[in-house]
Protein backbone atom coordinates (compact mmCIF):
# COMPACT_ATOMS: atom_id res chain seq x y z
CA UNK A 1 -22.74 -0.43 -15.35
CA UNK A 2 -19.46 1.56 -14.84
CA UNK A 3 -17.77 1.45 -11.45
CA UNK A 4 -16.42 4.48 -9.54
CA UNK A 5 -13.12 3.69 -8.10
CA UNK A 6 -10.68 6.08 -5.94
CA UNK A 7 -6.83 5.85 -5.85
CA UNK A 8 -4.68 7.00 -2.81
CA UNK A 9 -1.15 6.74 -2.09
CA UNK A 10 -0.11 4.88 1.12
CA UNK A 11 3.59 4.46 2.55
CA UNK A 12 4.82 1.70 4.46
CA UNK A 13 7.97 0.36 6.02
CA UNK A 14 9.16 -3.26 7.30
CA UNK A 15 12.29 -4.26 8.94
CA UNK A 16 11.71 -7.79 7.11
CA UNK A 17 10.96 -7.37 3.59
CA UNK A 18 9.21 -5.46 0.76
CA UNK A 19 6.24 -8.18 0.74
CA UNK A 20 5.78 -7.30 4.54
CA UNK A 21 5.85 -3.68 3.67
CA UNK A 22 3.38 -4.04 0.99
CA UNK A 23 0.97 -6.14 3.49
CA UNK A 24 1.38 -3.30 5.86
CA UNK A 25 -0.15 -0.80 3.36
CA UNK A 26 -3.18 -3.21 2.77
CA UNK A 27 -3.45 -3.56 6.52
CA UNK A 28 -3.54 0.04 7.30
CA UNK A 29 -5.77 0.94 4.13
CA UNK A 30 -8.25 -1.82 5.16
CA UNK A 31 -8.55 -0.07 8.54
CA UNK A 32 -10.67 2.57 6.97
CA UNK A 33 -11.48 1.69 3.44
CA UNK A 34 -13.68 -1.05 1.84
CA UNK A 35 -13.55 -2.74 -1.31
CA UNK A 36 -9.82 -2.53 -2.10
CA UNK A 37 -9.25 -3.91 -5.39
CA UNK A 38 -5.53 -3.44 -6.23
CA UNK A 39 -2.35 -2.17 -4.89
CA UNK A 40 0.08 -0.65 -7.32
CA UNK A 41 3.78 -0.39 -6.11
CA UNK A 42 5.11 2.99 -7.44
CA UNK A 43 8.39 2.86 -5.67
CA UNK A 44 10.67 0.50 -3.63
CA UNK A 45 13.33 2.06 -1.32
CA UNK A 46 15.60 0.69 1.37
CA UNK A 47 17.31 2.05 4.45
CA UNK A 48 20.96 1.03 5.02
CA UNK A 49 23.06 1.34 8.12
CA UNK A 50 26.51 -0.03 8.39
CA UNK A 51 26.42 -1.69 5.05
CA UNK A 52 23.15 -3.53 5.93
CA UNK A 53 19.63 -3.11 4.54
CA UNK A 54 17.60 -2.12 7.97
CA UNK A 55 14.36 -1.32 6.54
CA UNK A 56 12.21 -1.96 3.32
CA UNK A 57 10.01 0.97 2.10
CA UNK A 58 7.14 0.91 -0.43
CA UNK A 59 5.32 4.04 -2.00
CA UNK A 60 1.73 2.31 -3.19
CA UNK A 61 -1.25 3.48 -4.87
CA UNK A 62 -4.26 1.76 -3.36
CA UNK A 63 -7.27 1.38 -5.69
CA UNK A 64 -10.60 0.72 -4.23
CA UNK A 65 -14.44 0.75 -5.38
CA UNK A 66 -16.69 3.59 -4.14
CA UNK A 67 -20.07 2.34 -2.71
CA UNK A 68 -23.09 3.80 -4.57
CA UNK A 69 -26.27 5.12 -2.72
CA UNK A 70 -29.52 3.12 -3.29
């Protein structure tokens, strides 16, 4: 049986790390989505102030499986 999946883009930022920013994507998406299957990181960027990295940003694609009616 084929599965129906959907992909959405989610942006997240963390002052600690890119890994923390990715977890932020999953945490936020999980508030309204079920059956999250994967996260593809499309882009990594960082904010810089006074020669220091102050924020880690990710643009991620979240894939989740759609539920079927019975």
